[in-house]
Protein backbone atom coordinates (compact mmCIF):
# COMPACT_ATOMS: atom_id res chain seq x y z
CA MET A 1 242.23 -35.20 -103.14
CA ASP A 2 243.32 -38.73 -102.37
CA GLY A 3 243.41 -40.13 -105.92
CA GLN A 4 239.99 -41.82 -105.54
CA VAL A 5 237.49 -41.34 -108.36
CA TYR A 6 234.27 -39.86 -107.00
CA GLY A 7 230.85 -40.02 -108.66
CA ALA A 8 227.93 -37.63 -108.96
CA MET A 9 226.89 -37.80 -105.29
CA GLY A 10 230.46 -37.36 -104.06
CA GLN A 11 230.81 -41.01 -103.14
CA PRO A 12 233.02 -43.68 -104.69
CA GLY A 13 231.26 -45.90 -107.19
CA VAL A 14 228.14 -43.78 -107.75
CA GLY A 15 228.00 -42.13 -111.15
CA PHE A 16 225.42 -39.83 -112.72
CA LEU A 17 223.13 -42.58 -114.02
CA MET A 18 223.24 -44.47 -110.73
CA ALA A 19 222.44 -41.22 -108.87
CA ILE A 20 219.25 -40.96 -110.98
CA VAL A 21 218.35 -44.59 -110.22
CA ILE A 22 219.03 -44.16 -106.50
CA GLY A 23 217.07 -40.89 -106.56
CA ALA A 24 214.06 -42.55 -108.18
CA LEU A 25 214.10 -45.44 -105.71
CA ALA A 26 214.64 -43.18 -102.71
CA GLY A 27 211.86 -40.83 -103.82
CA TRP A 28 209.50 -43.76 -104.30
CA LEU A 29 210.36 -45.18 -100.87
CA ALA A 30 209.94 -41.76 -99.26
CA GLU A 31 206.58 -41.41 -101.03
CA ARG A 32 205.46 -44.72 -99.50
CA PHE A 33 206.77 -43.89 -96.01
CA THR A 34 205.03 -40.50 -95.94
CA ALA A 35 201.85 -41.61 -97.78
CA ALA A 36 202.44 -38.89 -100.36
CA ASN A 37 201.05 -39.09 -103.88
CA MET A 38 203.73 -37.87 -106.28
CA GLY A 39 204.67 -38.76 -109.84
CA LEU A 40 207.85 -40.27 -111.25
CA ILE A 41 209.60 -36.96 -111.92
CA ALA A 42 208.77 -35.65 -108.43
CA ASN A 43 210.08 -38.93 -106.97
CA ILE A 44 213.37 -38.53 -108.81
CA VAL A 45 213.72 -34.88 -107.79
CA MET A 46 212.86 -35.61 -104.15
CA GLY A 47 215.23 -38.57 -104.13
CA ILE A 48 218.15 -36.58 -105.55
CA LEU A 49 217.53 -33.66 -103.19
CA GLY A 50 217.12 -36.19 -100.39
CA GLY A 51 220.44 -37.76 -101.38
CA LEU A 52 222.16 -34.40 -101.11
CA LEU A 53 220.57 -33.70 -97.72
CA GLY A 54 221.11 -37.25 -96.46
CA ASN A 55 224.78 -37.29 -97.47
CA TYR A 56 225.29 -33.84 -95.92
CA LEU A 57 223.72 -34.95 -92.63
CA ALA A 58 225.68 -38.22 -92.63
CA HIS A 59 228.90 -36.27 -93.21
CA LYS A 60 228.10 -33.94 -90.30
CA LEU A 61 227.34 -36.94 -88.06
CA HIS A 62 230.54 -38.73 -89.21
CA ILE A 63 228.60 -41.64 -90.70
CA PRO A 64 230.34 -43.10 -93.77
CA VAL A 65 228.07 -43.26 -96.82
CA PHE A 66 229.32 -45.11 -99.88
CA GLY A 67 227.98 -47.64 -102.33
CA PHE A 68 224.44 -48.32 -103.51
CA TRP A 69 222.69 -49.37 -100.29
CA ARG A 70 224.09 -46.69 -98.01
CA ASN A 71 223.36 -44.00 -100.60
CA LEU A 72 219.82 -45.36 -100.98
CA ILE A 73 219.25 -45.26 -97.22
CA SER A 74 220.66 -41.75 -96.81
CA ALA A 75 218.72 -40.48 -99.84
CA THR A 76 215.49 -42.00 -98.53
CA VAL A 77 215.97 -40.46 -95.09
CA GLY A 78 216.76 -37.10 -96.70
CA ALA A 79 213.71 -37.29 -98.98
CA VAL A 80 211.43 -38.14 -96.05
CA ILE A 81 212.81 -35.11 -94.19
CA ILE A 82 212.23 -32.86 -97.21
CA ILE A 83 208.67 -34.10 -97.73
CA THR A 84 207.90 -33.68 -94.02
CA ILE A 85 209.27 -30.13 -93.97
CA TYR A 86 207.38 -29.26 -97.16
CA ARG A 87 204.14 -30.57 -95.68
CA ALA A 88 204.70 -28.58 -92.48
CA ILE A 89 205.23 -25.36 -94.44
CA ALA A 90 202.74 -25.74 -97.31
CA GLY A 91 200.12 -27.94 -95.74
CA ARG A 92 199.20 -31.49 -96.68
CA ARG A 93 198.39 -31.18 -100.38
CA TYR A 94 199.65 -34.54 -101.62
């Protein structure tokens, strides 16, 4: 690679613990945006999965994602997409 140290989400400056924190915040924000009713663990899982999806989509669209705020935004957008797709497939259960 280029000698840069990369964290858990593949971005500089974001380690494993910060990925959990960003995931929890992003899941909570996505829960509020979609009016879902999930618990803490589901928020963290949705936020981490949303972070993976959001970073993937940002990479495909050539949008640079690094640092806390950009990771939080991309993870929230990804989590909202995941919750919306889940609701479309499974029905509105939560």
